[in-house]
């Protein structure tokens, strides 16, 4: 009976050892899967942020383009007004010069 108990003990010890090694392997696999999932989540987060930044920068560029176009329009209007003022200054000078010639 001692031989049977010894064999039974050896069998249980071996089974325990095998189970322990299997559990360790499963733990390692789970840890590696967790790391992969974490890295994928990080990559997805980065991609999402990059897309948001891209959209925001595109909107900012559109705003800059609109502002620049408005500035060009305003500069043209100011130039047109400046030329009109210069023309009117010349006309006023001619008119005043003509009055002086008549008055003299």
Foldseek 3Di string as FASTA:
>chain_A
DVVVVVVVVVVVVVVVVVVVVVVVVVVVVVVVVVVVVVVVVVVVVVVVVVVVVVVVVVVVVVVVVVVVVVVVVVVVVVVVVVVVVVVVVVVVVVVVVVVVVVVD
